[in-house]
C-alpha atoms as a PDB file:
ATOM      1  CA  MET A   1      26.706 -34.596 -60.233  1.00  0.00           C
ATOM      2  CA  THR A   2      27.282 -34.998 -64.492  1.00  0.00           C
ATOM      3  CA  SER A   3      24.876 -34.757 -66.843  1.00  0.00           C
ATOM      4  CA  GLN A   4      22.844 -37.505 -67.844  1.00  0.00           C
ATOM      5  CA  THR A   5      25.073 -39.054 -71.430  1.00  0.00           C
ATOM      6  CA  PRO A   6      24.852 -42.095 -74.068  1.00  0.00           C
ATOM      7  CA  HIS A   7      27.673 -45.154 -72.583  1.00  0.00           C
ATOM      8  CA  ALA A   8      29.071 -47.219 -74.839  1.00  0.00           C
ATOM      9  CA  THR A   9      27.853 -50.002 -72.539  1.00  0.00           C
ATOM     10  CA  PRO A  10      30.119 -53.423 -73.518  1.00  0.00           C
ATOM     11  CA  HIS A  11      28.060 -54.969 -75.632  1.00  0.00           C
ATOM     12  CA  ARG A  12      29.513 -59.156 -74.374  1.00  0.00           C
ATOM     13  CA  ILE A  13      29.377 -59.896 -70.259  1.00  0.00           C
ATOM     14  CA  LEU A  14      29.639 -62.888 -68.346  1.00  0.00           C
ATOM     15  CA  VAL A  15      28.913 -62.749 -64.678  1.00  0.00           C
ATOM     16  CA  ILE A  16      31.394 -65.437 -62.418  1.00  0.00           C
ATOM     17  CA  GLY A  17      29.141 -66.401 -59.803  1.00  0.00           C
ATOM     18  CA  GLY A  18      25.595 -65.322 -61.174  1.00  0.00           C
ATOM     19  CA  ALA A  19      23.914 -67.567 -59.178  1.00  0.00           C
ATOM     20  CA  GLY A  20      24.889 -66.235 -55.706  1.00  0.00           C
ATOM     21  CA  PHE A  21      22.412 -63.834 -53.704  1.00  0.00           C
ATOM     22  CA  ILE A  22      23.946 -61.070 -55.490  1.00  0.00           C
ATOM     23  CA  GLY A  23      24.508 -62.020 -58.750  1.00  0.00           C
ATOM     24  CA  GLY A  24      21.085 -63.905 -58.814  1.00  0.00           C
ATOM     25  CA  HIS A  25      19.967 -59.566 -58.474  1.00  0.00           C
ATOM     26  CA  VAL A  26      22.414 -58.834 -61.622  1.00  0.00           C
ATOM     27  CA  VAL A  27      21.982 -60.941 -63.723  1.00  0.00           C
ATOM     28  CA  LYS A  28      18.239 -59.970 -63.849  1.00  0.00           C
ATOM     29  CA  SER A  29      19.544 -56.840 -63.627  1.00  0.00           C
ATOM     30  CA  LEU A  30      21.483 -57.160 -67.272  1.00  0.00           C
ATOM     31  CA  ILE A  31      18.611 -59.305 -69.009  1.00  0.00           C
ATOM     32  CA  ASP A  32      16.092 -55.990 -67.975  1.00  0.00           C
ATOM     33  CA  ALA A  33      18.456 -54.312 -69.566  1.00  0.00           C
ATOM     34  CA  GLY A  34      18.988 -56.077 -72.868  1.00  0.00           C
ATOM     35  CA  LEU A  35      22.256 -57.037 -72.573  1.00  0.00           C
ATOM     36  CA  ASN A  36      24.038 -59.939 -73.991  1.00  0.00           C
ATOM     37  CA  LEU A  37      24.507 -62.108 -70.953  1.00  0.00           C
ATOM     38  CA  ALA A  38      26.195 -65.048 -69.764  1.00  0.00           C
ATOM     39  CA  VAL A  39      26.858 -66.551 -66.046  1.00  0.00           C
ATOM     40  CA  TYR A  40      29.898 -69.203 -64.753  1.00  0.00           C
ATOM     41  CA  ASP A  41      28.939 -70.494 -62.121  1.00  0.00           C
ATOM     42  CA  LEU A  42      29.601 -73.930 -59.391  1.00  0.00           C
ATOM     43  CA  HIS A  43      25.531 -74.005 -59.515  1.00  0.00           C
ATOM     44  CA  ALA A  44      23.471 -75.402 -62.117  1.00  0.00           C
ATOM     45  CA  GLN A  45      21.622 -73.064 -64.726  1.00  0.00           C
ATOM     46  CA  PRO A  46      17.754 -72.603 -63.420  1.00  0.00           C
ATOM     47  CA  SER A  47      15.403 -73.832 -65.210  1.00  0.00           C
ATOM     48  CA  SER A  48      13.450 -69.708 -64.519  1.00  0.00           C
ATOM     49  CA  ILE A  49      16.605 -68.219 -66.412  1.00  0.00           C
ATOM     50  CA  ASP A  50      17.317 -68.602 -70.327  1.00  0.00           C
ATOM     51  CA  ILE A  51      20.393 -67.580 -71.392  1.00  0.00           C
ATOM     52  CA  GLU A  52      24.090 -68.550 -71.835  1.00  0.00           C
ATOM     53  CA  TRP A  53      25.594 -70.799 -68.603  1.00  0.00           C
ATOM     54  CA  HIS A  54      28.826 -73.086 -67.763  1.00  0.00           C
ATOM     55  CA  SER A  55      28.610 -74.810 -64.714  1.00  0.00           C
ATOM     56  CA  GLY A  56      32.496 -75.179 -62.672  1.00  0.00           C
ATOM     57  CA  SER A  57      34.605 -73.858 -61.171  1.00  0.00           C
ATOM     58  CA  ILE A  58      37.074 -70.431 -61.062  1.00  0.00           C
ATOM     59  CA  THR A  59      40.323 -72.842 -60.468  1.00  0.00           C
ATOM     60  CA  ASP A  60      38.976 -74.759 -64.083  1.00  0.00           C
ATOM     61  CA  LEU A  61      41.189 -72.062 -65.659  1.00  0.00           C
ATOM     62  CA  SER A  62      40.825 -74.210 -69.321  1.00  0.00           C
ATOM     63  CA  LEU A  63      37.351 -73.659 -69.044  1.00  0.00           C
ATOM     64  CA  MET A  64      37.056 -70.905 -67.619  1.00  0.00           C
ATOM     65  CA  ALA A  65      39.374 -69.626 -70.358  1.00  0.00           C
ATOM     66  CA  SER A  66      36.389 -70.352 -73.081  1.00  0.00           C
ATOM     67  CA  VAL A  67      34.161 -68.374 -71.851  1.00  0.00           C
ATOM     68  CA  VAL A  68      36.058 -65.498 -70.568  1.00  0.00           C
ATOM     69  CA  ALA A  69      37.569 -65.143 -74.573  1.00  0.00           C
ATOM     70  CA  ASP A  70      34.786 -63.591 -76.628  1.00  0.00           C
ATOM     71  CA  ARG A  71      33.921 -61.550 -73.502  1.00  0.00           C
ATOM     72  CA  ASP A  72      34.335 -57.564 -73.439  1.00  0.00           C
ATOM     73  CA  ALA A  73      33.479 -57.669 -69.714  1.00  0.00           C
ATOM     74  CA  VAL A  74      33.485 -59.562 -66.441  1.00  0.00           C
ATOM     75  CA  VAL A  75      31.715 -59.128 -63.254  1.00  0.00           C
ATOM     76  CA  PHE A  76      33.769 -61.561 -60.796  1.00  0.00           C
ATOM     77  CA  LEU A  77      30.863 -62.229 -57.593  1.00  0.00           C
ATOM     78  CA  ALA A  78      32.312 -65.302 -57.351  1.00  0.00           C
ATOM     79  CA  ASN A  79      32.737 -65.455 -52.874  1.00  0.00           C
ATOM     80  CA  ALA A  80      34.546 -68.930 -50.743  1.00  0.00           C
ATOM     81  CA  SER A  81      35.570 -66.355 -48.290  1.00  0.00           C
ATOM     82  CA  LEU A  82      32.852 -64.803 -45.398  1.00  0.00           C
ATOM     83  CA  PRO A  83      34.160 -62.427 -42.978  1.00  0.00           C
ATOM     84  CA  GLY A  84      33.795 -64.655 -40.003  1.00  0.00           C
ATOM     85  CA  SER A  85      35.344 -67.713 -41.877  1.00  0.00           C
ATOM     86  CA  SER A  86      38.624 -66.286 -43.219  1.00  0.00           C
ATOM     87  CA  ILE A  87      40.816 -65.838 -39.817  1.00  0.00           C
ATOM     88  CA  ALA A  88      40.279 -69.056 -39.511  1.00  0.00           C
ATOM     89  CA  SER A  89      43.670 -70.220 -41.802  1.00  0.00           C
ATOM     90  CA  LEU A  90      45.676 -67.532 -42.738  1.00  0.00           C
ATOM     91  CA  SER A  91      47.503 -69.647 -45.615  1.00  0.00           C
ATOM     92  CA  MET A  92      44.592 -70.929 -47.333  1.00  0.00           C
ATOM     93  CA  GLU A  93      42.253 -67.034 -47.307  1.00  0.00           C
ATOM     94  CA  ILE A  94      45.264 -65.798 -49.573  1.00  0.00           C
ATOM     95  CA  GLN A  95      44.854 -69.433 -51.822  1.00  0.00           C
ATOM     96  CA  SER A  96      41.039 -69.692 -51.718  1.00  0.00           C
ATOM     97  CA  HIS A  97      40.623 -65.531 -52.228  1.00  0.00           C
ATOM     98  CA  VAL A  98      43.616 -64.047 -52.776  1.00  0.00           C
ATOM     99  CA  ARG A  99      45.441 -66.181 -55.356  1.00  0.00           C
ATOM    100  CA  ASP A 100      41.430 -67.595 -57.317  1.00  0.00           C
ATOM    101  CA  THR A 101      40.516 -64.079 -57.928  1.00  0.00           C
ATOM    102  CA  LEU A 102      43.994 -62.979 -59.642  1.00  0.00           C
ATOM    103  CA  ARG A 103      44.010 -66.238 -61.748  1.00  0.00           C
ATOM    104  CA  VAL A 104      41.033 -65.312 -63.548  1.00  0.00           C
ATOM    105  CA  ALA A 105      41.467 -61.892 -64.144  1.00  0.00           C
ATOM    106  CA  GLU A 106      44.930 -62.433 -65.298  1.00  0.00           C
ATOM    107  CA  VAL A 107      43.163 -64.962 -67.799  1.00  0.00           C
ATOM    108  CA  CYS A 108      40.955 -62.334 -68.734  1.00  0.00           C
ATOM    109  CA  ALA A 109      43.501 -60.021 -69.180  1.00  0.00           C
ATOM    110  CA  GLU A 110      45.221 -61.609 -71.699  1.00  0.00           C
ATOM    111  CA  LEU A 111      42.176 -62.335 -73.625  1.00  0.00           C
ATOM    112  CA  GLY A 112      40.601 -59.207 -74.013  1.00  0.00           C
ATOM    113  CA  VAL A 113      38.182 -58.281 -72.291  1.00  0.00           C
ATOM    114  CA  LYS A 114      37.926 -54.808 -71.338  1.00  0.00           C
ATOM    115  CA  HIS A 115      36.625 -54.179 -68.045  1.00  0.00           C
ATOM    116  CA  PHE A 116      37.008 -56.213 -65.325  1.00  0.00           C
ATOM    117  CA  VAL A 117      34.623 -55.164 -62.209  1.00  0.00           C
ATOM    118  CA  PHE A 118      35.531 -56.246 -58.695  1.00  0.00           C
ATOM    119  CA  ALA A 119      32.965 -56.957 -55.921  1.00  0.00           C
ATOM    120  CA  SER A 120      34.914 -55.590 -53.157  1.00  0.00           C
ATOM    121  CA  SER A 121      34.083 -54.755 -49.331  1.00  0.00           C
ATOM    122  CA  GLY A 122      33.289 -51.430 -48.747  1.00  0.00           C
ATOM    123  CA  GLY A 123      32.454 -52.642 -44.327  1.00  0.00           C
ATOM    124  CA  THR A 124      35.736 -54.419 -44.603  1.00  0.00           C
ATOM    125  CA  VAL A 125      38.538 -52.794 -46.084  1.00  0.00           C
ATOM    126  CA  TYR A 126      38.087 -49.487 -44.101  1.00  0.00           C
ATOM    127  CA  GLY A 127      38.850 -51.016 -40.682  1.00  0.00           C
ATOM    128  CA  HIS A 128      38.151 -48.271 -38.954  1.00  0.00           C
ATOM    129  CA  CYS A 129      35.117 -45.175 -38.114  1.00  0.00           C
ATOM    130  CA  PRO A 130      34.398 -42.356 -40.262  1.00  0.00           C
ATOM    131  CA  ALA A 131      34.434 -39.543 -38.379  1.00  0.00           C
ATOM    132  CA  PRO A 132      30.577 -37.796 -36.991  1.00  0.00           C
ATOM    133  CA  GLY A 133      28.093 -36.881 -39.372  1.00  0.00           C
ATOM    134  CA  THR A 134      30.545 -37.832 -42.416  1.00  0.00           C
ATOM    135  CA  GLY A 135      30.699 -41.374 -44.145  1.00  0.00           C
ATOM    136  CA  LEU A 136      34.220 -43.124 -45.945  1.00  0.00           C
ATOM    137  CA  VAL A 137      35.588 -42.088 -49.020  1.00  0.00           C
ATOM    138  CA  GLU A 138      37.670 -43.486 -50.812  1.00  0.00           C
ATOM    139  CA  THR A 139      40.920 -41.697 -50.104  1.00  0.00           C
ATOM    140  CA  ALA A 140      40.400 -42.360 -46.286  1.00  0.00           C
ATOM    141  CA  LEU A 141      42.794 -44.726 -44.239  1.00  0.00           C
ATOM    142  CA  THR A 142      42.228 -48.695 -44.500  1.00  0.00           C
ATOM    143  CA  GLN A 143      43.019 -50.461 -41.857  1.00  0.00           C
ATOM    144  CA  PRO A 144      40.768 -53.942 -42.193  1.00  0.00           C
ATOM    145  CA  GLN A 145      40.763 -55.872 -38.734  1.00  0.00           C
ATOM    146  CA  ASN A 146      39.769 -58.883 -40.347  1.00  0.00           C
ATOM    147  CA  ALA A 147      41.450 -61.606 -42.515  1.00  0.00           C
ATOM    148  CA  TYR A 148      38.356 -61.233 -45.357  1.00  0.00           C
ATOM    149  CA  GLY A 149      39.335 -57.150 -45.422  1.00  0.00           C
ATOM    150  CA  VAL A 150      42.527 -57.623 -46.319  1.00  0.00           C
ATOM    151  CA  SER A 151      41.618 -59.961 -48.892  1.00  0.00           C
ATOM    152  CA  LYS A 152      39.456 -57.980 -50.491  1.00  0.00           C
ATOM    153  CA  LEU A 153      42.192 -55.062 -50.720  1.00  0.00           C
ATOM    154  CA  ALA A 154      45.086 -56.890 -51.372  1.00  0.00           C
ATOM    155  CA  ILE A 155      42.677 -58.177 -54.674  1.00  0.00           C
ATOM    156  CA  GLU A 156      41.880 -53.951 -55.379  1.00  0.00           C
ATOM    157  CA  HIS A 157      45.737 -53.470 -55.112  1.00  0.00           C
ATOM    158  CA  TYR A 158      46.525 -56.594 -57.540  1.00  0.00           C
ATOM    159  CA  LEU A 159      44.054 -55.436 -59.627  1.00  0.00           C
ATOM    160  CA  ARG A 160      45.171 -51.620 -59.909  1.00  0.00           C
ATOM    161  CA  LEU A 161      48.976 -53.130 -61.121  1.00  0.00           C
ATOM    162  CA  LEU A 162      47.416 -55.568 -63.243  1.00  0.00           C
ATOM    163  CA  SER A 163      45.091 -52.214 -65.469  1.00  0.00           C
ATOM    164  CA  GLY A 164      48.094 -50.475 -65.152  1.00  0.00           C
ATOM    165  CA  LYS A 165      50.628 -53.452 -66.802  1.00  0.00           C
ATOM    166  CA  ALA A 166      47.596 -54.810 -68.983  1.00  0.00           C
ATOM    167  CA  ASP A 167      44.879 -53.418 -71.900  1.00  0.00           C
ATOM    168  CA  MET A 168      42.264 -53.968 -68.893  1.00  0.00           C
ATOM    169  CA  ARG A 169      40.446 -51.868 -66.725  1.00  0.00           C
ATOM    170  CA  THR A 170      39.544 -52.431 -63.265  1.00  0.00           C
ATOM    171  CA  THR A 171      36.485 -51.502 -61.156  1.00  0.00           C
ATOM    172  CA  SER A 172      36.909 -52.877 -57.332  1.00  0.00           C
ATOM    173  CA  LEU A 173      33.156 -52.014 -55.841  1.00  0.00           C
ATOM    174  CA  ARG A 174      32.904 -51.708 -52.620  1.00  0.00           C
ATOM    175  CA  ILE A 175      29.836 -52.224 -51.765  1.00  0.00           C
ATOM    176  CA  SER A 176      28.549 -52.062 -47.265  1.00  0.00           C
ATOM    177  CA  ASN A 177      25.599 -54.053 -46.070  1.00  0.00           C
ATOM    178  CA  PRO A 178      23.412 -56.127 -48.713  1.00  0.00           C
ATOM    179  CA  TYR A 179      20.388 -57.180 -47.602  1.00  0.00           C
ATOM    180  CA  GLY A 180      17.368 -57.947 -49.861  1.00  0.00           C
ATOM    181  CA  GLU A 181      14.876 -60.947 -51.737  1.00  0.00           C
ATOM    182  CA  GLY A 182      17.032 -64.865 -51.613  1.00  0.00           C
ATOM    183  CA  GLN A 183      18.895 -63.657 -48.792  1.00  0.00           C
ATOM    184  CA  ARG A 184      19.057 -66.355 -47.121  1.00  0.00           C
ATOM    185  CA  ALA A 185      20.543 -66.534 -42.875  1.00  0.00           C
ATOM    186  CA  VAL A 186      23.177 -68.922 -43.938  1.00  0.00           C
ATOM    187  CA  ARG A 187      27.015 -68.412 -43.027  1.00  0.00           C
ATOM    188  CA  GLY A 188      27.167 -66.133 -40.709  1.00  0.00           C
ATOM    189  CA  GLN A 189      27.504 -63.260 -42.847  1.00  0.00           C
ATOM    190  CA  GLY A 190      23.474 -61.144 -43.596  1.00  0.00           C
ATOM    191  CA  PHE A 191      21.762 -59.440 -40.180  1.00  0.00           C
ATOM    192  CA  ILE A 192      18.799 -58.430 -41.438  1.00  0.00           C
ATOM    193  CA  ALA A 193      18.042 -62.355 -43.275  1.00  0.00           C
ATOM    194  CA  ALA A 194      19.227 -62.957 -39.827  1.00  0.00           C
ATOM    195  CA  ALA A 195      16.927 -61.063 -37.789  1.00  0.00           C
ATOM    196  CA  ILE A 196      13.869 -61.645 -39.983  1.00  0.00           C
ATOM    197  CA  GLN A 197      13.865 -65.857 -39.744  1.00  0.00           C
ATOM    198  CA  ARG A 198      15.010 -65.577 -36.025  1.00  0.00           C
ATOM    199  CA  ALA A 199      11.378 -63.673 -36.365  1.00  0.00           C
ATOM    200  CA  MET A 200       9.538 -66.549 -38.262  1.00  0.00           C
ATOM    201  CA  ASP A 201      11.037 -69.090 -36.656  1.00  0.00           C
ATOM    202  CA  GLY A 202      10.219 -67.229 -33.195  1.00  0.00           C
ATOM    203  CA  SER A 203      14.687 -68.636 -32.270  1.00  0.00           C
ATOM    204  CA  GLU A 204      17.161 -66.626 -31.075  1.00  0.00           C
ATOM    205  CA  LEU A 205      19.213 -63.959 -32.352  1.00  0.00           C
ATOM    206  CA  GLU A 206      22.688 -63.046 -31.632  1.00  0.00           C
ATOM    207  CA  ILE A 207      23.740 -59.606 -30.794  1.00  0.00           C
ATOM    208  CA  TRP A 208      28.124 -59.061 -29.756  1.00  0.00           C
ATOM    209  CA  GLY A 209      27.371 -56.039 -28.522  1.00  0.00           C
ATOM    210  CA  ASP A 210      25.383 -53.732 -27.000  1.00  0.00           C
ATOM    211  CA  GLY A 211      23.260 -53.735 -30.498  1.00  0.00           C
ATOM    212  CA  LEU A 212      24.145 -49.904 -31.130  1.00  0.00           C
ATOM    213  CA  VAL A 213      27.291 -50.816 -33.278  1.00  0.00           C
ATOM    214  CA  GLU A 214      26.050 -49.114 -37.011  1.00  0.00           C
ATOM    215  CA  ARG A 215      25.947 -50.077 -40.132  1.00  0.00           C
ATOM    216  CA  ASP A 216      25.443 -49.049 -44.468  1.00  0.00           C
ATOM    217  CA  PHE A 217      22.513 -51.101 -45.319  1.00  0.00           C
ATOM    218  CA  ILE A 218      22.137 -51.315 -48.549  1.00  0.00           C
ATOM    219  CA  HIS A 219      19.364 -52.857 -50.922  1.00  0.00           C
ATOM    220  CA  VAL A 220      20.200 -55.324 -53.167  1.00  0.00           C
ATOM    221  CA  SER A 221      18.827 -54.162 -56.508  1.00  0.00           C
ATOM    222  CA  ASP A 222      20.670 -50.987 -55.350  1.00  0.00           C
ATOM    223  CA  VAL A 223      23.529 -53.225 -55.569  1.00  0.00           C
ATOM    224  CA  ALA A 224      22.548 -54.362 -59.285  1.00  0.00           C
ATOM    225  CA  ALA A 225      21.521 -50.987 -60.138  1.00  0.00           C
ATOM    226  CA  ALA A 226      25.681 -50.241 -59.108  1.00  0.00           C
ATOM    227  CA  ILE A 227      26.794 -52.894 -61.248  1.00  0.00           C
ATOM    228  CA  LEU A 228      25.463 -51.649 -64.352  1.00  0.00           C
ATOM    229  CA  ALA A 229      25.902 -47.995 -63.917  1.00  0.00           C
ATOM    230  CA  THR A 230      29.853 -48.970 -63.589  1.00  0.00           C
ATOM    231  CA  LEU A 231      29.342 -51.201 -67.333  1.00  0.00           C
ATOM    232  CA  ARG A 232      27.866 -48.433 -68.521  1.00  0.00           C
ATOM    233  CA  SER A 233      30.451 -45.548 -68.085  1.00  0.00           C
ATOM    234  CA  ASP A 234      32.963 -44.085 -69.929  1.00  0.00           C
ATOM    235  CA  ASP A 235      34.772 -43.841 -67.049  1.00  0.00           C
ATOM    236  CA  PRO A 236      34.757 -45.719 -64.513  1.00  0.00           C
ATOM    237  CA  PRO A 237      37.043 -45.286 -61.129  1.00  0.00           C
ATOM    238  CA  ASP A 238      39.716 -47.817 -60.391  1.00  0.00           C
ATOM    239  CA  VAL A 239      37.650 -47.994 -56.539  1.00  0.00           C
ATOM    240  CA  VAL A 240      34.005 -46.550 -55.744  1.00  0.00           C
ATOM    241  CA  ASN A 241      31.742 -47.024 -52.705  1.00  0.00           C
ATOM    242  CA  ILE A 242      28.594 -47.719 -53.427  1.00  0.00           C
ATOM    243  CA  GLY A 243      26.010 -47.950 -50.912  1.00  0.00           C
ATOM    244  CA  THR A 244      23.319 -45.431 -49.189  1.00  0.00           C
ATOM    245  CA  GLY A 245      25.148 -43.287 -46.647  1.00  0.00           C
ATOM    246  CA  GLN A 246      22.746 -43.383 -43.818  1.00  0.00           C
ATOM    247  CA  ALA A 247      23.914 -45.364 -40.274  1.00  0.00           C
ATOM    248  CA  THR A 248      21.293 -47.550 -39.681  1.00  0.00           C
ATOM    249  CA  SER A 249      22.617 -49.720 -35.496  1.00  0.00           C
ATOM    250  CA  LEU A 250      21.196 -53.132 -35.021  1.00  0.00           C
ATOM    251  CA  LYS A 251      19.054 -52.197 -32.356  1.00  0.00           C
ATOM    252  CA  SER A 252      17.175 -50.540 -35.105  1.00  0.00           C
ATOM    253  CA  ILE A 253      17.183 -53.491 -37.799  1.00  0.00           C
ATOM    254  CA  VAL A 254      15.246 -55.272 -35.210  1.00  0.00           C
ATOM    255  CA  GLU A 255      13.000 -53.498 -33.899  1.00  0.00           C
ATOM    256  CA  MET A 256      12.127 -52.473 -38.144  1.00  0.00           C
ATOM    257  CA  VAL A 257      11.463 -56.205 -38.464  1.00  0.00           C
ATOM    258  CA  GLU A 258       9.506 -57.162 -35.309  1.00  0.00           C
ATOM    259  CA  ALA A 259       7.393 -53.919 -36.925  1.00  0.00           C
ATOM    260  CA  ALA A 260       7.566 -55.726 -40.384  1.00  0.00           C
ATOM    261  CA  CYS A 261       7.357 -59.249 -39.241  1.00  0.00           C
ATOM    262  CA  GLY A 262       4.676 -58.230 -36.284  1.00  0.00           C
ATOM    263  CA  THR A 263       5.883 -60.404 -34.079  1.00  0.00           C
ATOM    264  CA  SER A 264       8.547 -60.016 -31.295  1.00  0.00           C
ATOM    265  CA  ILE A 265      12.616 -61.259 -31.913  1.00  0.00           C
ATOM    266  CA  ASP A 266      13.835 -62.896 -28.701  1.00  0.00           C
ATOM    267  CA  THR A 267      17.485 -61.045 -28.804  1.00  0.00           C
ATOM    268  CA  ARG A 268      20.973 -62.331 -26.542  1.00  0.00           C
ATOM    269  CA  TYR A 269      23.705 -59.669 -26.598  1.00  0.00           C
ATOM    270  CA  TYR A 270      27.265 -60.831 -26.085  1.00  0.00           C
ATOM    271  CA  PRO A 271      30.112 -59.365 -25.138  1.00  0.00           C
ATOM    272  CA  GLY A 272      31.427 -57.345 -27.966  1.00  0.00           C
ATOM    273  CA  ARG A 273      34.269 -58.640 -30.337  1.00  0.00           C
ATOM    274  CA  ARG A 274      37.228 -55.814 -30.984  1.00  0.00           C
ATOM    275  CA  ILE A 275      36.232 -56.462 -34.674  1.00  0.00           C
ATOM    276  CA  ASP A 276      33.189 -55.230 -34.870  1.00  0.00           C
ATOM    277  CA  ILE A 277      33.726 -51.366 -35.492  1.00  0.00           C
ATOM    278  CA  GLU A 278      31.707 -48.839 -33.795  1.00  0.00           C
ATOM    279  CA  ARG A 279      30.273 -47.345 -37.287  1.00  0.00           C
ATOM    280  CA  ASN A 280      30.486 -48.087 -40.558  1.00  0.00           C
ATOM    281  CA  VAL A 281      28.974 -45.854 -43.313  1.00  0.00           C
ATOM    282  CA  LEU A 282      30.159 -45.152 -46.904  1.00  0.00           C
ATOM    283  CA  ASP A 283      30.283 -41.351 -48.720  1.00  0.00           C
ATOM    284  CA  ILE A 284      29.183 -42.625 -51.348  1.00  0.00           C
ATOM    285  CA  ALA A 285      29.956 -39.260 -53.867  1.00  0.00           C
ATOM    286  CA  ARG A 286      31.809 -41.231 -56.291  1.00  0.00           C
ATOM    287  CA  ALA A 287      29.673 -42.935 -57.422  1.00  0.00           C
ATOM    288  CA  GLN A 288      26.481 -40.310 -57.552  1.00  0.00           C
ATOM    289  CA  ASN A 289      28.970 -38.437 -59.666  1.00  0.00           C
ATOM    290  CA  THR A 290      31.245 -40.941 -62.383  1.00  0.00           C
ATOM    291  CA  LEU A 291      29.171 -43.020 -62.314  1.00  0.00           C
ATOM    292  CA  GLU A 292      25.936 -40.727 -62.313  1.00  0.00           C
ATOM    293  CA  TRP A 293      24.818 -44.411 -59.764  1.00  0.00           C
ATOM    294  CA  SER A 294      22.421 -42.820 -56.439  1.00  0.00           C
ATOM    295  CA  PRO A 295      19.960 -45.729 -54.210  1.00  0.00           C
ATOM    296  CA  ARG A 296      16.476 -46.104 -55.387  1.00  0.00           C
ATOM    297  CA  ILE A 297      15.207 -47.895 -51.931  1.00  0.00           C
ATOM    298  CA  ALA A 298      14.288 -47.145 -48.660  1.00  0.00           C
ATOM    299  CA  LEU A 299      15.623 -49.036 -46.166  1.00  0.00           C
ATOM    300  CA  GLU A 300      12.105 -49.253 -44.366  1.00  0.00           C
ATOM    301  CA  ASP A 301      10.506 -50.519 -48.405  1.00  0.00           C
ATOM    302  CA  GLY A 302      13.559 -52.420 -48.408  1.00  0.00           C
ATOM    303  CA  LEU A 303      13.062 -54.473 -45.182  1.00  0.00           C
ATOM    304  CA  THR A 304       8.793 -54.295 -45.988  1.00  0.00           C
ATOM    305  CA  GLN A 305       9.834 -56.097 -49.582  1.00  0.00           C
ATOM    306  CA  THR A 306      12.278 -58.297 -48.409  1.00  0.00           C
ATOM    307  CA  VAL A 307       9.471 -59.631 -44.900  1.00  0.00           C
ATOM    308  CA  ALA A 308       7.311 -60.341 -48.001  1.00  0.00           C
ATOM    309  CA  TRP A 309       9.411 -62.605 -50.125  1.00  0.00           C
ATOM    310  CA  TRP A 310      10.622 -64.894 -47.053  1.00  0.00           C
ATOM    311  CA  GLN A 311       6.848 -64.929 -45.995  1.00  0.00           C
ATOM    312  CA  GLU A 312       6.307 -65.898 -48.882  1.00  0.00           C
ATOM    313  CA  HIS A 313       9.147 -68.736 -49.294  1.00  0.00           C
ATOM    314  CA  HIS A 314      10.373 -69.459 -45.569  1.00  0.00           C
ATOM    315  CA  LYS A 315      10.153 -73.395 -44.269  1.00  0.00           C
ATOM    316  CA  PRO A 316       9.782 -73.000 -40.954  1.00  0.00           C
ATOM    317  CA  ALA A 317      12.440 -74.853 -39.119  1.00  0.00           C
END
């Protein structure tokens, strides 16, 4: 790991998608770090946050340009696509995910943004298992098994090309499986959130396969810390994995959630799907060495925090 040295943090940062699950934690992290911050999001500004806030669609390029014009760095977290829904219309996936993201990146490059940080997906871009006892490295084969992963990978490559012709550095963070406070079990995303909700409601949890598939679950506060570290880095890589390097099966997650909630979950298993890779876990050495970042929240502790949040905020169905 490199030695701890001062970093030239950009003075003015824009978070696009700052009202979402990850975005909310990123905004809090950047505020706590004392950074000059603005948010662009479809949703209105929460009354609890007192910062510069712009409500609008990422397709409104004139509004986007007016907001981007004086920003040093942009963190792009907006996402109109999800792993489960992206296959429904491949042409629409290209338009609403790939094209719209790249249009924003091009506006940023044209208006002098120095660093564009993109939230990619370490859970989908690789599309295969790492060798036993190892994690997927950034140079590994990428062969996504769903349209969502293809879109994320395409955006990464287009950003690399854009960075080569413009004076704007781009960094794609391949984030594994984030979970934590504020994540709702909606839109077919977030297995931990889904398991907790089922524990709270007493409803059925569906698992495709035997529950032995393994994933790299990372607490959202560690994701936010990784984004802050990326902004602070003097020489961030163009692509970097953000995970824990630890694999946990879905069945183990169910057992841990049951223990944390003090109740059993009604679980039903369905035939496995071809798109569900048996084991996805990321090698995070590049993030540790280049960003001076490592995850701090152990899964057991993160689950305890997340369950406590659900117990405070959950309303029975």
